[in-house]
N, C-alpha and C. Protein backbone atom coordinates (compact mmCIF):
# COMPACT_ATOMS: atom_id res chain seq x y z
N MET A 1 84.51 86.29 139.54
CA MET A 1 84.72 85.00 138.92
C MET A 1 84.18 85.10 137.50
N ALA A 2 84.99 84.79 136.55
CA ALA A 2 84.60 84.90 135.15
C ALA A 2 84.11 83.56 134.63
N ALA A 3 82.93 83.56 134.06
CA ALA A 3 82.36 82.39 133.39
C ALA A 3 82.42 81.14 134.25
N GLY A 4 81.91 81.22 135.46
CA GLY A 4 81.96 80.07 136.36
C GLY A 4 80.65 79.86 137.08
N ARG A 5 80.70 78.94 137.99
CA ARG A 5 79.52 78.60 138.78
C ARG A 5 79.93 78.50 140.24
N GLN A 6 79.03 78.92 141.14
CA GLN A 6 79.31 78.89 142.57
C GLN A 6 78.09 78.37 143.30
N ASN A 7 78.29 77.41 144.19
CA ASN A 7 77.22 76.87 145.03
C ASN A 7 77.62 77.06 146.49
N ILE A 8 76.71 77.62 147.29
CA ILE A 8 76.97 77.83 148.71
C ILE A 8 75.79 77.26 149.50
N HIS A 9 76.11 76.46 150.52
CA HIS A 9 75.10 75.90 151.42
C HIS A 9 75.48 76.28 152.84
N THR A 10 74.53 76.84 153.57
CA THR A 10 74.76 77.29 154.93
C THR A 10 73.70 76.70 155.84
N ALA A 11 74.14 76.24 157.02
CA ALA A 11 73.21 75.71 158.03
C ALA A 11 73.62 76.27 159.38
N GLY A 12 72.64 76.56 160.21
CA GLY A 12 72.93 77.10 161.54
C GLY A 12 71.96 76.57 162.57
N LEU A 13 72.40 76.59 163.81
CA LEU A 13 71.58 76.10 164.91
C LEU A 13 71.78 77.02 166.11
N ASN A 14 70.68 77.46 166.71
CA ASN A 14 70.71 78.27 167.92
C ASN A 14 70.12 77.47 169.06
N TRP A 15 70.80 77.49 170.22
CA TRP A 15 70.28 76.81 171.41
C TRP A 15 70.19 77.84 172.52
N TYR A 16 68.97 78.13 172.95
CA TYR A 16 68.72 79.09 174.01
C TYR A 16 68.72 78.35 175.33
N VAL A 17 69.82 78.42 176.07
CA VAL A 17 69.95 77.73 177.35
C VAL A 17 69.02 78.36 178.37
N SER A 18 68.96 79.69 178.39
CA SER A 18 68.05 80.44 179.25
C SER A 18 67.73 81.74 178.52
N GLY A 19 67.04 82.63 179.19
CA GLY A 19 66.72 83.91 178.58
C GLY A 19 67.94 84.80 178.37
N ALA A 20 69.06 84.46 179.04
CA ALA A 20 70.25 85.30 178.97
C ALA A 20 71.43 84.63 178.26
N ILE A 21 71.35 83.34 177.99
CA ILE A 21 72.49 82.62 177.39
C ILE A 21 72.03 81.84 176.17
N ARG A 22 72.82 81.94 175.09
CA ARG A 22 72.54 81.12 173.92
C ARG A 22 73.85 80.72 173.24
N PHE A 23 73.81 79.56 172.59
CA PHE A 23 74.93 79.04 171.83
C PHE A 23 74.52 78.99 170.36
N MET A 24 75.44 79.36 169.47
CA MET A 24 75.16 79.36 168.04
C MET A 24 76.24 78.59 167.31
N VAL A 25 75.84 77.70 166.42
CA VAL A 25 76.75 76.91 165.59
C VAL A 25 76.34 77.12 164.14
N ALA A 26 77.33 77.32 163.27
CA ALA A 26 77.04 77.50 161.85
C ALA A 26 78.08 76.75 161.02
N ARG A 27 77.65 76.26 159.88
CA ARG A 27 78.55 75.57 158.94
C ARG A 27 78.24 76.06 157.53
N GLN A 28 79.28 76.25 156.75
CA GLN A 28 79.12 76.71 155.37
C GLN A 28 79.99 75.86 154.45
N ALA A 29 79.41 75.41 153.36
CA ALA A 29 80.14 74.65 152.34
C ALA A 29 79.99 75.38 151.01
N ARG A 30 81.11 75.59 150.34
CA ARG A 30 81.09 76.32 149.07
C ARG A 30 81.91 75.56 148.03
N ALA A 31 81.39 75.48 146.83
CA ALA A 31 82.11 74.87 145.71
C ALA A 31 82.03 75.83 144.53
N THR A 32 83.18 76.06 143.91
CA THR A 32 83.23 76.94 142.74
C THR A 32 83.92 76.23 141.59
N SER A 33 83.53 76.61 140.41
CA SER A 33 84.21 76.11 139.21
C SER A 33 84.25 77.25 138.19
N ALA A 34 85.43 77.46 137.65
CA ALA A 34 85.62 78.51 136.65
C ALA A 34 86.70 78.06 135.67
N LEU A 35 86.39 78.15 134.42
CA LEU A 35 87.32 77.80 133.35
C LEU A 35 88.06 76.50 133.64
N ASN A 36 89.28 76.55 134.13
CA ASN A 36 90.06 75.32 134.36
C ASN A 36 90.34 75.05 135.84
N THR A 37 89.65 75.72 136.73
CA THR A 37 89.92 75.53 138.16
C THR A 37 88.65 75.18 138.91
N ASP A 38 88.77 74.27 139.85
CA ASP A 38 87.68 73.92 140.77
C ASP A 38 88.22 74.09 142.18
N SER A 39 87.38 74.58 143.07
CA SER A 39 87.81 74.72 144.47
C SER A 39 86.64 74.47 145.40
N LYS A 40 86.97 74.01 146.62
CA LYS A 40 85.98 73.80 147.67
C LYS A 40 86.44 74.52 148.91
N PHE A 41 85.46 74.98 149.70
CA PHE A 41 85.76 75.70 150.92
C PHE A 41 84.72 75.31 151.95
N ASP A 42 85.15 74.89 153.13
CA ASP A 42 84.26 74.57 154.23
C ASP A 42 84.65 75.41 155.44
N ALA A 43 83.63 75.91 156.14
CA ALA A 43 83.88 76.72 157.33
C ALA A 43 82.88 76.35 158.41
N ALA A 44 83.31 76.45 159.66
CA ALA A 44 82.43 76.19 160.80
C ALA A 44 82.69 77.27 161.84
N GLY A 45 81.63 77.63 162.55
CA GLY A 45 81.78 78.66 163.58
C GLY A 45 80.95 78.31 164.80
N PHE A 46 81.42 78.74 165.97
CA PHE A 46 80.71 78.54 167.23
C PHE A 46 80.76 79.84 168.00
N ARG A 47 79.62 80.26 168.53
CA ARG A 47 79.54 81.50 169.27
C ARG A 47 78.71 81.31 170.53
N THR A 48 79.06 82.03 171.57
CA THR A 48 78.28 82.07 172.81
C THR A 48 77.90 83.51 173.07
N GLN A 49 76.65 83.72 173.45
CA GLN A 49 76.19 85.08 173.77
C GLN A 49 75.58 85.08 175.15
N VAL A 50 76.01 86.03 175.97
CA VAL A 50 75.47 86.21 177.31
C VAL A 50 74.94 87.63 177.41
N ALA A 51 73.67 87.76 177.74
CA ALA A 51 73.05 89.08 177.89
C ALA A 51 72.87 89.37 179.38
N PHE A 52 73.29 90.55 179.79
CA PHE A 52 73.13 90.92 181.20
C PHE A 52 72.78 92.38 181.32
């Protein structure tokens, strides 16, 4: 990105249901500005992990 600015904010949460199961949620918000263009990007993710 030439001569611009970028801001990224990320938040996440882990929930340990038991010693073998956990749920993970994450959200990311990004805003960029460069010369004559501005853009925004939002993303969300959900994951489950089972250990055995």
